[in-house]
Amino acid sequence: MPYRVYFLLSLLLTLVVEIPVLFLAAKYLLKIKIQAKEIFYWGAFVNLFSLPYLWFIFPLFISSRNYILIGEILVILIEFATLLKVLKIDFKKAFVLSLVANLASYLTGTAINIIL
């Protein structure tokens, strides 16, 4: 399968997993008072912004041995900073949102790769 097709499938999976996780974590876990459409909009934005960097930019600078760990940490930090700024929520809540959403999509992707 061409790399770009694999990327697009991964992007779709990331959006399908992370946006609902962001919504559920924001509303029920962290009790953030924010409109659902704002969570969905910014959830899509941060992933559409960060995933291409993880797939196409980071590999140019990070060795393959450390790529997943360093890449995921950088994505969590980028998404955390974006959510902190745009949602105007406190530091801890923004970090938890980013961490939980990215962990969910990473584990889902890993499980799918094991199954397939």
Protein backbone atom coordinates (compact mmCIF):
# COMPACT_ATOMS: atom_id res chain seq x y z
CA MET A 1 0.00 0.00 0.00
CA PRO A 2 1.44 3.43 -0.90
CA TYR A 3 2.64 5.53 2.04
CA ARG A 4 0.15 8.35 1.31
CA VAL A 5 -2.79 5.90 1.36
CA TYR A 6 -1.57 4.47 4.66
CA PHE A 7 -1.29 8.05 5.96
CA LEU A 8 -4.86 8.92 4.88
CA LEU A 9 -6.23 5.78 6.54
CA SER A 10 -4.30 6.63 9.70
CA LEU A 11 -5.60 10.20 9.60
CA LEU A 12 -9.17 8.93 9.30
CA LEU A 13 -8.65 6.50 12.18
CA THR A 14 -7.07 9.24 14.29
CA LEU A 15 -10.03 11.56 13.74
CA VAL A 16 -12.57 8.81 14.40
CA VAL A 17 -10.87 7.89 17.68
CA GLU A 18 -9.52 11.17 19.04
CA ILE A 19 -12.48 13.50 18.49
CA PRO A 20 -14.96 11.38 20.49
CA VAL A 21 -12.29 10.77 23.16
CA LEU A 22 -11.67 14.52 23.42
CA PHE A 23 -15.39 15.13 23.73
CA LEU A 24 -15.95 12.46 26.37
CA ALA A 25 -12.86 13.41 28.37
CA ALA A 26 -13.68 17.12 28.25
CA LYS A 27 -17.35 16.76 29.17
CA TYR A 28 -17.35 13.84 31.60
CA LEU A 29 -13.83 13.25 32.91
CA LEU A 30 -12.62 16.84 33.26
CA LYS A 31 -16.04 18.56 33.42
CA ILE A 32 -14.96 21.34 31.06
CA LYS A 33 -17.82 23.68 30.22
CA ILE A 34 -17.39 24.09 26.50
CA GLN A 35 -19.66 23.62 23.51
CA ALA A 36 -19.49 20.27 21.76
CA LYS A 37 -18.98 21.87 18.35
CA GLU A 38 -15.90 23.69 19.66
CA ILE A 39 -14.38 20.43 20.91
CA PHE A 40 -15.14 18.72 17.59
CA TYR A 41 -13.76 21.64 15.56
CA TRP A 42 -10.52 21.99 17.51
CA GLY A 43 -10.13 18.23 17.83
CA ALA A 44 -10.18 17.96 14.05
CA PHE A 45 -7.91 20.98 13.65
CA VAL A 46 -5.15 19.77 15.99
CA ASN A 47 -5.07 16.37 14.30
CA LEU A 48 -5.16 17.72 10.76
CA PHE A 49 -2.29 20.00 11.77
CA SER A 50 -0.13 17.60 13.79
CA LEU A 51 -0.45 14.24 12.02
CA PRO A 52 1.23 15.36 8.76
CA TYR A 53 4.19 16.56 10.84
CA LEU A 54 4.39 13.18 12.56
CA TRP A 55 4.31 11.34 9.25
CA PHE A 56 6.26 13.60 6.88
CA ILE A 57 8.42 16.09 8.83
CA PHE A 58 9.57 14.36 12.03
CA PRO A 59 11.04 11.34 10.18
CA LEU A 60 13.47 13.70 8.46
CA PHE A 61 14.99 14.66 11.82
CA ILE A 62 14.40 11.71 14.15
CA SER A 63 16.05 8.29 13.83
CA SER A 64 13.76 5.37 13.14
CA ARG A 65 14.64 3.75 16.45
CA ASN A 66 13.31 6.70 18.44
CA TYR A 67 10.73 7.92 15.95
CA ILE A 68 7.54 6.65 17.58
CA LEU A 69 8.41 7.70 21.13
CA ILE A 70 9.79 11.13 20.27
CA GLY A 71 7.19 11.75 17.56
CA GLU A 72 4.26 10.92 19.84
CA ILE A 73 5.69 13.09 22.64
CA LEU A 74 6.08 16.00 20.23
CA VAL A 75 2.52 15.54 18.91
CA ILE A 76 1.15 15.44 22.46
CA LEU A 77 3.00 18.67 23.25
CA ILE A 78 1.88 20.41 20.05
CA GLU A 79 -1.74 19.41 20.57
CA PHE A 80 -1.55 20.31 24.27
CA ALA A 81 -0.26 23.81 23.49
CA THR A 82 -2.91 24.30 20.81
CA LEU A 83 -5.77 23.11 23.04
CA LEU A 84 -4.48 25.22 25.93
CA LYS A 85 -4.53 28.34 23.77
CA VAL A 86 -7.73 27.88 21.76
CA LEU A 87 -9.98 26.30 24.38
CA LYS A 88 -8.71 28.65 27.11
CA ILE A 89 -8.59 25.87 29.68
CA ASP A 90 -6.05 25.32 32.42
CA PHE A 91 -2.67 23.71 31.87
CA LYS A 92 -3.46 20.36 33.50
CA LYS A 93 -6.77 19.85 31.67
CA ALA A 94 -5.24 20.67 28.29
CA PHE A 95 -2.40 18.23 28.92
CA VAL A 96 -4.76 15.46 30.07
CA LEU A 97 -6.96 15.96 26.98
CA SER A 98 -4.00 15.72 24.64
CA LEU A 99 -2.47 12.75 26.44
CA VAL A 100 -5.70 10.74 26.69
CA ALA A 101 -6.72 11.38 23.06
CA ASN A 102 -3.29 10.51 21.67
CA LEU A 103 -2.95 7.45 23.86
CA ALA A 104 -6.34 6.21 22.66
CA SER A 105 -5.46 6.63 18.98
CA TYR A 106 -1.98 5.16 19.42
CA LEU A 107 -3.32 2.08 21.20
CA THR A 108 -6.12 1.67 18.66
CA GLY A 109 -3.65 1.89 15.77
CA THR A 110 -1.30 -0.56 17.47
CA ALA A 111 -4.14 -3.03 18.06
CA ILE A 112 -5.24 -2.79 14.42
CA ASN A 113 -1.67 -3.37 13.22
CA ILE A 114 -1.40 -6.46 15.42
CA ILE A 115 -4.71 -7.84 14.17
CA LEU A 116 -3.96 -7.17 10.50
